[in-house]
Amino acid sequence: DPTTTAVVQWIVPDATPAGVSVRPVAQAVGDWQPFRTTTRPFPKTDLRVFRAELTGLAPDTEYFLRVGGTPTVRRFRTMPAR
């Protein structure tokens, strides 16, 4: 359900699992909600595919997304309920 769930996936040459965390953009300061990631090999390479299903999100809400300990923060929005 794209109103309350998002899936993120990325490919890197590192086998160390990287956590994913999100928080609403409207929340000026606060705790990041962590999500579990899964990993699998990318066929015929030394790369790894990481995937996280972000559930329990609020409809029509913009979120910050952070992968691992990197300082890079991305944004996404859930779909409206209607």
C-alpha atoms as a PDB file:
ATOM      1  CA  ASP A   1       0.000   0.000   0.000  1.00  0.00           C
ATOM      2  CA  PRO A   2       1.842   3.161  -1.171  1.00  0.00           C
ATOM      3  CA  THR A   3      -0.092   5.303   1.309  1.00  0.00           C
ATOM      4  CA  THR A   4       1.661   3.685   4.294  1.00  0.00           C
ATOM      5  CA  THR A   5       4.569   1.709   2.822  1.00  0.00           C
ATOM      6  CA  ALA A   6       7.679   2.407   0.749  1.00  0.00           C
ATOM      7  CA  VAL A   7      10.409   0.081  -0.478  1.00  0.00           C
ATOM      8  CA  VAL A   8      13.983   1.245  -0.948  1.00  0.00           C
ATOM      9  CA  GLN A   9      16.716  -0.732  -2.633  1.00  0.00           C
ATOM     10  CA  TRP A  10      20.348   0.036  -3.406  1.00  0.00           C
ATOM     11  CA  ILE A  11      23.407  -1.777  -4.723  1.00  0.00           C
ATOM     12  CA  VAL A  12      26.888  -1.338  -3.230  1.00  0.00           C
ATOM     13  CA  PRO A  13      30.203  -3.221  -3.206  1.00  0.00           C
ATOM     14  CA  ASP A  14      30.045  -3.691   0.558  1.00  0.00           C
ATOM     15  CA  ALA A  15      28.736  -6.764   2.356  1.00  0.00           C
ATOM     16  CA  THR A  16      28.265  -4.888   5.629  1.00  0.00           C
ATOM     17  CA  PRO A  17      24.538  -4.405   6.255  1.00  0.00           C
ATOM     18  CA  ALA A  18      23.518  -0.768   6.310  1.00  0.00           C
ATOM     19  CA  GLY A  19      20.487   0.251   8.297  1.00  0.00           C
ATOM     20  CA  VAL A  20      17.778   2.562   6.997  1.00  0.00           C
ATOM     21  CA  SER A  21      15.970   5.129   9.095  1.00  0.00           C
ATOM     22  CA  VAL A  22      13.264   7.704   8.403  1.00  0.00           C
ATOM     23  CA  ARG A  23      11.539  10.618  10.087  1.00  0.00           C
ATOM     24  CA  PRO A  24       8.842  13.016   8.931  1.00  0.00           C
ATOM     25  CA  VAL A  25      10.159  16.241   7.371  1.00  0.00           C
ATOM     26  CA  ALA A  26       7.641  18.228   9.450  1.00  0.00           C
ATOM     27  CA  GLN A  27       9.290  16.904  12.619  1.00  0.00           C
ATOM     28  CA  ALA A  28      11.976  19.587  13.052  1.00  0.00           C
ATOM     29  CA  VAL A  29      14.047  17.495  15.440  1.00  0.00           C
ATOM     30  CA  GLY A  30      13.502  14.005  16.662  1.00  0.00           C
ATOM     31  CA  ASP A  31      14.321  10.372  16.626  1.00  0.00           C
ATOM     32  CA  TRP A  32      14.839   8.501  13.398  1.00  0.00           C
ATOM     33  CA  GLN A  33      12.765   5.328  13.053  1.00  0.00           C
ATOM     34  CA  PRO A  34      15.031   2.426  12.046  1.00  0.00           C
ATOM     35  CA  PHE A  35      14.012  -0.332   9.623  1.00  0.00           C
ATOM     36  CA  ARG A  36      15.531  -3.736   9.004  1.00  0.00           C
ATOM     37  CA  THR A  37      17.352  -4.354   5.752  1.00  0.00           C
ATOM     38  CA  THR A  38      17.932  -7.550   3.843  1.00  0.00           C
ATOM     39  CA  THR A  39      20.859  -8.259   1.563  1.00  0.00           C
ATOM     40  CA  ARG A  40      21.634 -10.645  -1.248  1.00  0.00           C
ATOM     41  CA  PRO A  41      24.364 -10.966  -3.872  1.00  0.00           C
ATOM     42  CA  PHE A  42      24.019  -9.169  -7.184  1.00  0.00           C
ATOM     43  CA  PRO A  43      24.440 -11.960  -9.743  1.00  0.00           C
ATOM     44  CA  LYS A  44      27.843 -12.381 -11.398  1.00  0.00           C
ATOM     45  CA  THR A  45      29.419  -9.419  -9.528  1.00  0.00           C
ATOM     46  CA  ASP A  46      30.999  -8.601  -6.163  1.00  0.00           C
ATOM     47  CA  LEU A  47      28.128  -6.221  -5.435  1.00  0.00           C
ATOM     48  CA  ARG A  48      25.379  -6.602  -2.824  1.00  0.00           C
ATOM     49  CA  VAL A  49      21.707  -5.626  -3.134  1.00  0.00           C
ATOM     50  CA  PHE A  50      20.219  -4.078  -0.009  1.00  0.00           C
ATOM     51  CA  ARG A  51      16.471  -3.723   0.448  1.00  0.00           C
ATOM     52  CA  ALA A  52      14.215  -2.288   3.155  1.00  0.00           C
ATOM     53  CA  GLU A  53      10.428  -2.206   3.385  1.00  0.00           C
ATOM     54  CA  LEU A  54       9.306   0.892   5.278  1.00  0.00           C
ATOM     55  CA  THR A  55       5.926   0.176   6.851  1.00  0.00           C
ATOM     56  CA  GLY A  56       3.596   2.013   9.229  1.00  0.00           C
ATOM     57  CA  LEU A  57       4.117   5.376   7.538  1.00  0.00           C
ATOM     58  CA  ALA A  58       1.486   8.115   7.473  1.00  0.00           C
ATOM     59  CA  PRO A  59      -0.403   8.825   4.217  1.00  0.00           C
ATOM     60  CA  ASP A  60       0.475  11.977   2.239  1.00  0.00           C
ATOM     61  CA  THR A  61       3.528  12.671   4.383  1.00  0.00           C
ATOM     62  CA  GLU A  62       7.014  13.715   3.326  1.00  0.00           C
ATOM     63  CA  TYR A  63       9.882  11.865   5.003  1.00  0.00           C
ATOM     64  CA  PHE A  64      13.636  12.156   5.293  1.00  0.00           C
ATOM     65  CA  LEU A  65      15.487   8.907   4.526  1.00  0.00           C
ATOM     66  CA  ARG A  66      18.981   8.052   5.746  1.00  0.00           C
ATOM     67  CA  VAL A  67      20.961   4.958   4.722  1.00  0.00           C
ATOM     68  CA  GLY A  68      23.619   3.678   7.105  1.00  0.00           C
ATOM     69  CA  GLY A  69      25.878   6.189   8.780  1.00  0.00           C
ATOM     70  CA  THR A  70      26.185   8.417   5.717  1.00  0.00           C
ATOM     71  CA  PRO A  71      25.449  12.125   6.102  1.00  0.00           C
ATOM     72  CA  THR A  72      23.372  12.102   2.904  1.00  0.00           C
ATOM     73  CA  VAL A  73      19.657  12.515   3.536  1.00  0.00           C
ATOM     74  CA  ARG A  74      17.048  11.938   0.860  1.00  0.00           C
ATOM     75  CA  ARG A  75      13.320  12.735   0.739  1.00  0.00           C
ATOM     76  CA  PHE A  76      10.222  10.860  -0.331  1.00  0.00           C
ATOM     77  CA  ARG A  77       6.462  11.224   0.080  1.00  0.00           C
ATOM     78  CA  THR A  78       3.795   8.628   0.675  1.00  0.00           C
ATOM     79  CA  MET A  79       0.684   8.677  -1.511  1.00  0.00           C
ATOM     80  CA  PRO A  80      -2.479  10.409  -0.262  1.00  0.00           C
ATOM     81  CA  ALA A  81      -5.153   8.194   1.284  1.00  0.00           C
ATOM     82  CA  ARG A  82      -7.603   9.134  -1.493  1.00  0.00           C
END
